[in-house]
Amino acid sequence: IQPFIIVEGLSDFNIKGFYVFFNHNLLKFQSFLECLDTCFKIFHALSLKYPNACQIPWIFIQKYFYEINTVYDIKSVNLTSLINFCNNN
């Protein structure tokens, strides 16, 4: 089972909460960044694979914000270009 993020609200201007759902537990957070950080750390603490559908965004977060590189990371020219662009701006 993979952790995932839930955003509660009707629109961008009416967000009520941010949650991480994992292993039948629902954790509530005050900000999206706290929620994202916890979800990311669950993946790494338990050595879980990122879901295929969102693997590239998770690897971007891993490499750019946390500066973690592993031998298991997929290789992507687009991802490398994006990281290089962000590092040069």
Protein backbone atom coordinates (compact mmCIF):
# COMPACT_ATOMS: atom_id res chain seq x y z
CA ILE A 1 0.00 0.00 0.00
CA GLN A 2 1.36 3.39 -1.01
CA PRO A 3 0.84 6.58 0.99
CA PHE A 4 -1.10 9.28 -0.79
CA ILE A 5 -2.12 12.89 -0.25
CA ILE A 6 -5.71 14.07 0.09
CA VAL A 7 -6.68 17.75 -0.14
CA GLU A 8 -10.08 18.58 1.34
CA GLY A 9 -12.02 21.58 0.00
CA LEU A 10 -14.27 22.85 -2.74
CA SER A 11 -11.78 25.13 -4.51
CA ASP A 12 -8.29 26.62 -4.24
CA PHE A 13 -9.66 29.34 -1.97
CA ASN A 14 -11.63 27.04 0.33
CA ILE A 15 -9.16 24.35 1.41
CA LYS A 16 -10.06 22.82 4.76
CA GLY A 17 -7.24 20.37 5.28
CA PHE A 18 -4.36 18.32 3.99
CA TYR A 19 -4.06 14.62 4.75
CA VAL A 20 -1.76 11.68 4.20
CA PHE A 21 -3.53 8.35 4.06
CA PHE A 22 -1.38 5.31 4.74
CA ASN A 23 -2.03 1.86 6.17
CA HIS A 24 -5.58 2.69 7.31
CA ASN A 25 -4.35 5.88 9.04
CA LEU A 26 -5.36 9.41 8.11
CA LEU A 27 -2.89 12.07 9.24
CA LYS A 28 -4.02 15.73 9.11
CA PHE A 29 -1.63 18.63 8.46
CA GLN A 30 -1.91 22.40 8.59
CA SER A 31 -0.04 22.98 5.33
CA PHE A 32 0.51 21.26 2.02
CA LEU A 33 4.30 21.33 2.49
CA GLU A 34 4.08 19.47 5.82
CA CYS A 35 1.79 16.94 4.17
CA LEU A 36 4.09 16.46 1.18
CA ASP A 37 7.16 16.18 3.42
CA THR A 38 5.56 13.47 5.57
CA CYS A 39 4.32 11.51 2.57
CA PHE A 40 7.80 11.64 1.02
CA LYS A 41 9.42 10.50 4.26
CA ILE A 42 7.03 7.54 4.55
CA PHE A 43 8.16 6.36 1.12
CA HIS A 44 11.81 6.52 2.16
CA ALA A 45 11.53 5.30 5.76
CA LEU A 46 9.74 2.15 4.59
CA SER A 47 11.66 1.75 1.30
CA LEU A 48 8.47 1.90 -0.76
CA LYS A 49 8.45 2.34 -4.53
CA TYR A 50 6.81 5.41 -5.97
CA PRO A 51 3.62 4.64 -7.93
CA ASN A 52 4.35 4.44 -11.68
CA ALA A 53 1.79 7.15 -12.49
CA CYS A 54 3.64 9.77 -10.41
CA GLN A 55 7.18 8.44 -10.29
CA ILE A 56 8.79 11.38 -12.11
CA PRO A 57 7.35 14.10 -9.82
CA TRP A 58 8.40 12.14 -6.71
CA ILE A 59 11.91 11.66 -8.08
CA PHE A 60 12.08 15.39 -8.85
CA ILE A 61 11.16 16.15 -5.22
CA GLN A 62 13.69 13.58 -4.01
CA LYS A 63 16.55 14.90 -6.12
CA TYR A 64 15.88 18.65 -6.14
CA PHE A 65 14.61 19.37 -2.63
CA TYR A 66 16.16 16.55 -0.59
CA GLU A 67 19.27 16.00 -2.74
CA ILE A 68 18.90 12.21 -2.52
CA ASN A 69 20.24 10.09 -5.38
CA THR A 70 19.91 6.32 -5.45
CA VAL A 71 20.89 3.57 -7.86
CA TYR A 72 17.17 2.73 -8.20
CA ASP A 73 16.19 6.12 -9.69
CA ILE A 74 14.87 5.99 -13.22
CA LYS A 75 16.81 7.94 -15.80
CA SER A 76 14.94 10.72 -17.54
CA VAL A 77 16.35 13.38 -19.85
CA ASN A 78 13.38 15.64 -19.09
CA LEU A 79 13.90 15.32 -15.35
CA THR A 80 17.61 16.01 -15.64
CA SER A 81 16.89 19.07 -17.78
CA LEU A 82 14.33 20.37 -15.29
CA ILE A 83 16.71 19.95 -12.34
CA ASN A 84 19.51 21.66 -14.25
CA PHE A 85 17.19 24.53 -15.18
CA CYS A 86 16.06 24.96 -11.55
CA ASN A 87 19.63 24.86 -10.28
CA ASN A 88 20.73 27.56 -12.76
CA ASN A 89 17.94 30.03 -11.90
